[in-house]
Each structure stands twice: as C-alpha cells, then as structure tokens.
Protein backbone atom coordinates (compact mmCIF):
# COMPACT_ATOMS: atom_id res chain seq x y z
CA MET A 1 84.78 8.38 -147.77
CA VAL A 2 82.88 11.65 -147.82
CA PRO A 3 82.81 13.71 -151.04
CA TRP A 4 84.29 16.78 -149.32
CA ALA A 5 87.31 14.95 -147.84
CA GLY A 6 90.37 17.13 -147.85
CA GLN A 7 88.35 20.35 -147.87
CA LYS A 8 88.30 22.62 -144.85
CA ARG A 9 84.52 22.79 -144.67
CA LEU A 10 81.37 21.27 -146.09
CA PRO A 11 79.95 22.53 -149.35
CA GLU A 12 77.23 25.10 -148.61
CA ALA A 13 74.32 22.90 -149.71
CA ASP A 14 75.49 20.04 -147.48
CA ALA A 15 75.97 22.37 -144.53
CA LEU A 16 72.46 23.76 -145.01
CA LEU A 17 70.98 20.26 -145.20
CA LEU A 18 72.75 19.22 -142.00
CA HIS A 19 71.54 22.37 -140.27
CA ALA A 20 67.95 21.78 -141.48
CA ARG A 21 68.08 18.20 -140.20
CA ALA A 22 69.34 19.37 -136.82
CA LEU A 23 66.51 21.92 -136.60
CA TYR A 24 63.96 19.28 -137.56
CA LYS A 25 65.25 16.79 -134.96
CA ALA A 26 65.23 19.52 -132.31
CA SER A 27 61.56 20.23 -133.13
CA LEU A 28 60.51 16.66 -132.28
CA CYS A 29 59.33 15.36 -128.92
CA PRO A 30 62.26 14.22 -126.75
CA CYS A 31 60.53 10.91 -125.90
CA GLY A 32 61.11 9.61 -129.43
CA CYS A 33 57.45 9.34 -130.48
CA GLY A 34 58.15 11.37 -133.63
CA PHE A 35 55.46 13.99 -133.06
CA PRO A 36 56.22 17.72 -132.91
CA ARG A 37 57.49 18.97 -129.54
CA ALA A 38 55.11 21.96 -129.70
CA ASP A 39 52.11 19.58 -129.70
CA THR A 40 53.28 16.84 -127.36
CA LEU A 41 54.53 19.11 -124.58
CA ASP A 42 51.53 21.45 -124.74
CA PRO A 43 49.43 21.07 -121.57
CA ASP A 44 46.31 21.87 -123.63
CA ALA A 45 46.92 18.69 -125.64
CA ASP A 46 46.34 16.49 -122.59
CA GLY A 47 43.52 14.09 -123.42
CA CYS A 48 43.71 14.79 -127.16
CA VAL A 49 45.60 11.65 -128.09
CA GLU A 50 44.02 8.32 -128.93
CA ILE A 51 45.79 5.09 -129.75
CA ASP A 52 44.99 3.36 -133.04
CA ASP A 53 46.05 -0.26 -132.62
CA SER A 54 44.75 -1.45 -135.98
CA ALA A 55 48.19 -1.39 -137.62
CA VAL A 56 50.45 -4.35 -136.90
CA CYS A 57 54.16 -4.17 -137.64
CA VAL A 58 55.12 -7.71 -138.59
CA VAL A 59 58.77 -7.06 -137.70
CA ARG A 60 57.86 -5.83 -134.19
CA ALA A 61 55.49 -8.80 -133.81
CA ALA A 62 58.29 -11.22 -134.77
CA LEU A 63 60.70 -9.52 -132.34
CA ASP A 64 58.14 -9.65 -129.51
CA GLU A 65 57.46 -13.33 -130.21
CA TRP A 66 61.19 -14.11 -130.31
CA SER A 67 61.77 -12.23 -127.04
CA ALA A 68 58.95 -14.13 -125.32
CA GLU A 69 60.49 -17.45 -126.39
CA LYS A 70 64.06 -16.48 -125.42
CA LYS A 71 63.56 -15.24 -121.87
CA ASP A 72 66.93 -16.63 -120.77
CA ARG A 73 69.00 -15.36 -123.70
CA PRO A 74 72.63 -14.47 -123.03
CA PRO A 75 73.36 -10.80 -122.27
CA GLY A 76 74.21 -8.68 -125.26
CA VAL A 77 72.28 -10.71 -127.83
CA LEU A 78 70.85 -8.23 -130.31
CA PRO A 79 68.00 -9.71 -132.35
CA LEU A 80 68.26 -8.44 -135.91
CA PRO A 81 65.17 -9.04 -138.04
CA VAL A 82 65.88 -10.45 -141.49
CA PHE A 83 63.10 -9.65 -143.92
CA ASP A 84 62.40 -12.41 -146.44
CA GLU A 85 61.49 -10.36 -149.52
CA LYS A 86 60.68 -13.41 -151.64
CA SER A 87 58.05 -14.57 -149.12
CA LEU A 88 56.64 -11.04 -149.03
CA ARG A 89 56.28 -10.94 -152.84
CA ILE A 90 54.52 -14.33 -152.77
CA SER A 91 52.15 -13.21 -149.98
CA ARG A 92 51.33 -9.99 -151.83
CA ALA A 93 50.65 -11.90 -155.05
CA ARG A 94 48.32 -14.28 -153.19
CA SER A 95 46.49 -11.37 -151.56
CA ALA A 96 46.12 -9.63 -154.91
CA ARG A 97 44.64 -12.82 -156.42
CA ARG A 98 42.20 -13.15 -153.51
CA VAL A 99 41.11 -9.52 -153.91
CA ALA A 100 40.81 -9.91 -157.67
CA GLY A 101 38.77 -13.07 -157.14
CA ALA A 102 36.50 -11.30 -154.66
CA ASP A 103 36.06 -8.38 -157.06
CA GLY A 104 35.19 -10.82 -159.83
CA ALA A 105 32.59 -12.47 -157.63
CA ASP A 106 31.11 -9.07 -156.77
CA HIS A 107 30.84 -8.16 -160.46
CA ALA A 108 29.23 -11.49 -161.27
CA GLU A 109 26.52 -10.89 -158.64
CA GLU A 110 25.79 -7.43 -160.06
CA GLN A 111 25.12 -8.77 -163.57
C-alpha cells in the first residue's frame, strides 16, 4: 500500500521525485545503453566509442552458459539467476588472503 492512499494527489516531494525520474529517463538513449541521449544520438560522436571488455558480469556469464546448454528449452522459461551470497563471501575471503599473502611476500623481498 502506498503512503498517500486515500489522498487525492501525491505529496509534493513525491510528485517532484517522480517528475525528476521521468525527466532523467527521457534524457537517456532510447536503445537502453544507459548513456545520455544528447551524446549517443549526436552524429559528431560517431567513432568516439570504444568497447572495454575487461569487465565480466558473472551473472550474465552464468545466464549465457545456461542458455547455450538449454537450446531446446520449453517456450516461456525465464531463467532467474540466484546469487549464492555465502559462496561469494568465501571467494572474497580467499581472494583477500591471497592478496595479503602476496603483499607479505613483496614486503619480505624489500627487507
């Protein structure tokens, strides 16, 4: 239930926030890339975009892998990623230990 239920109109602050969000969304490129419309639709910007493929989204990678394995999936199946936060915490702790170990080795060589 919304906090302004039963009232004839939104509180002013909420109305302003909704209007600001609508203006922001209207300022974005219609393709969904998330960049400003003024930059992406500017003919002078042609050739000014490079792709940085160094970042890997593990969720997108898992979805792509799943899709490749399930080529004959039934229509309407919507794959919903489930993030295992416990595994993530363990992986981060292991990475932190490896980095700390590498830093310790670097300091030992300096002395």
